[in-house]
Amino acid sequence: MRGDRVEVVVDTGGGASQTYEIAATRAGWRVEVNTARGVLQVSELTRSGTVVRSGRFMSARVIAVVEHPAEEATGRQAREHPRLELEDTVL
């Protein structure tokens, strides 16, 4: 759906990180996230499934993947995704 976007935060080494964003730019297009063989792939697809734009990242370097669903005309989010919250982290 137009307005869907995915942000990927990648560790670039030395304590630095870089953020990449892929968004559905036209009506009817969508964004898909796939993980296989240690590679995270984020793709923008047309209605027929043709890849328009994609980004591939090594899973070992990915810090975070944030999906932002498009909002409806009423201001509500189109899809409700459960939020994952970490209460205590033990290192």
Protein backbone atom coordinates (compact mmCIF):
# COMPACT_ATOMS: atom_id res chain seq x y z
CA MET A 1 0.00 0.00 0.00
CA ARG A 2 1.28 3.46 -0.82
CA GLY A 3 2.91 4.96 2.25
CA ASP A 4 4.19 1.67 3.69
CA ARG A 5 7.89 1.97 4.49
CA VAL A 6 10.63 -0.06 6.11
CA GLU A 7 13.70 1.33 7.86
CA VAL A 8 16.80 -0.84 8.24
CA VAL A 9 19.55 0.20 10.66
CA VAL A 10 22.93 -1.36 9.79
CA ASP A 11 26.16 -1.45 11.79
CA THR A 12 28.91 0.06 9.62
CA GLY A 13 31.71 -0.73 12.07
CA GLY A 14 33.56 1.35 14.62
CA GLY A 15 30.40 2.03 16.61
CA ALA A 16 28.69 3.82 13.72
CA SER A 17 25.40 2.90 12.10
CA GLN A 18 23.54 3.90 8.96
CA THR A 19 19.79 3.93 8.29
CA TYR A 20 18.25 2.91 4.96
CA GLU A 21 14.60 3.40 4.03
CA ILE A 22 12.54 1.70 1.33
CA ALA A 23 8.95 2.88 0.79
CA ALA A 24 6.00 2.03 -1.44
CA THR A 25 5.87 5.16 -3.60
CA ARG A 26 2.77 4.48 -5.72
CA ALA A 27 -0.78 3.33 -5.08
CA GLY A 28 -1.06 -0.47 -5.10
CA TRP A 29 2.65 -1.04 -4.55
CA ARG A 30 3.88 -2.79 -1.41
CA VAL A 31 7.04 -3.43 0.56
CA GLU A 32 8.15 -6.95 1.50
CA VAL A 33 10.86 -8.12 3.91
CA ASN A 34 12.54 -11.51 3.38
CA THR A 35 15.37 -13.21 5.26
CA ALA A 36 17.25 -16.17 3.77
CA ARG A 37 20.78 -17.55 4.08
CA GLY A 38 22.05 -14.73 6.26
CA VAL A 39 20.76 -11.96 4.00
CA LEU A 40 17.89 -9.56 4.73
CA GLN A 41 16.18 -8.30 1.57
CA VAL A 42 13.69 -5.42 1.54
CA SER A 43 11.86 -4.96 -1.80
CA GLU A 44 9.33 -2.54 -3.24
CA LEU A 45 6.93 -4.50 -5.47
CA THR A 46 4.27 -3.59 -8.01
CA ARG A 47 0.79 -5.14 -8.01
CA SER A 48 2.01 -7.91 -10.31
CA GLY A 49 5.01 -8.70 -8.09
CA THR A 50 7.74 -7.08 -10.19
CA VAL A 51 10.59 -5.72 -8.06
CA VAL A 52 11.04 -1.97 -8.51
CA ARG A 53 13.65 -1.31 -5.85
CA SER A 54 15.39 -3.52 -3.32
CA GLY A 55 18.07 -3.46 -0.68
CA ARG A 56 20.11 -6.43 0.56
CA PHE A 57 21.88 -6.45 3.91
CA MET A 58 23.96 -9.02 5.78
CA SER A 59 21.84 -10.23 8.70
CA ALA A 60 24.86 -10.18 11.01
CA ARG A 61 25.18 -6.40 10.47
CA VAL A 62 21.49 -5.50 10.84
CA ILE A 63 20.72 -3.78 14.15
CA ALA A 64 16.99 -3.11 13.61
CA VAL A 65 14.22 -3.47 11.05
CA VAL A 66 11.32 -1.06 11.60
CA GLU A 67 8.12 -1.43 9.57
CA HIS A 68 5.88 1.63 9.29
CA PRO A 69 2.46 0.77 7.85
CA ALA A 70 0.60 3.46 5.91
CA GLU A 71 -2.11 5.37 7.70
CA GLU A 72 -5.69 5.38 6.52
CA ALA A 73 -7.54 8.59 5.68
CA THR A 74 -9.05 8.57 9.18
CA GLY A 75 -5.60 8.80 10.73
CA ARG A 76 -5.57 5.25 12.13
CA GLN A 77 -2.92 2.80 11.11
CA ALA A 78 -3.94 0.47 8.29
CA ARG A 79 -2.70 -2.65 10.09
CA GLU A 80 -2.06 -3.15 13.75
CA HIS A 81 1.25 -4.88 14.48
CA PRO A 82 2.04 -6.21 17.94
CA ARG A 83 4.84 -4.31 19.61
CA LEU A 84 7.78 -6.23 21.04
CA GLU A 85 9.11 -4.69 24.21
CA LEU A 86 12.16 -5.75 26.16
CA GLU A 87 11.79 -5.21 29.89
CA ASP A 88 15.14 -6.47 31.16
CA THR A 89 18.20 -7.23 29.12
CA VAL A 90 20.88 -9.48 30.55
CA LEU A 91 24.30 -9.28 28.94
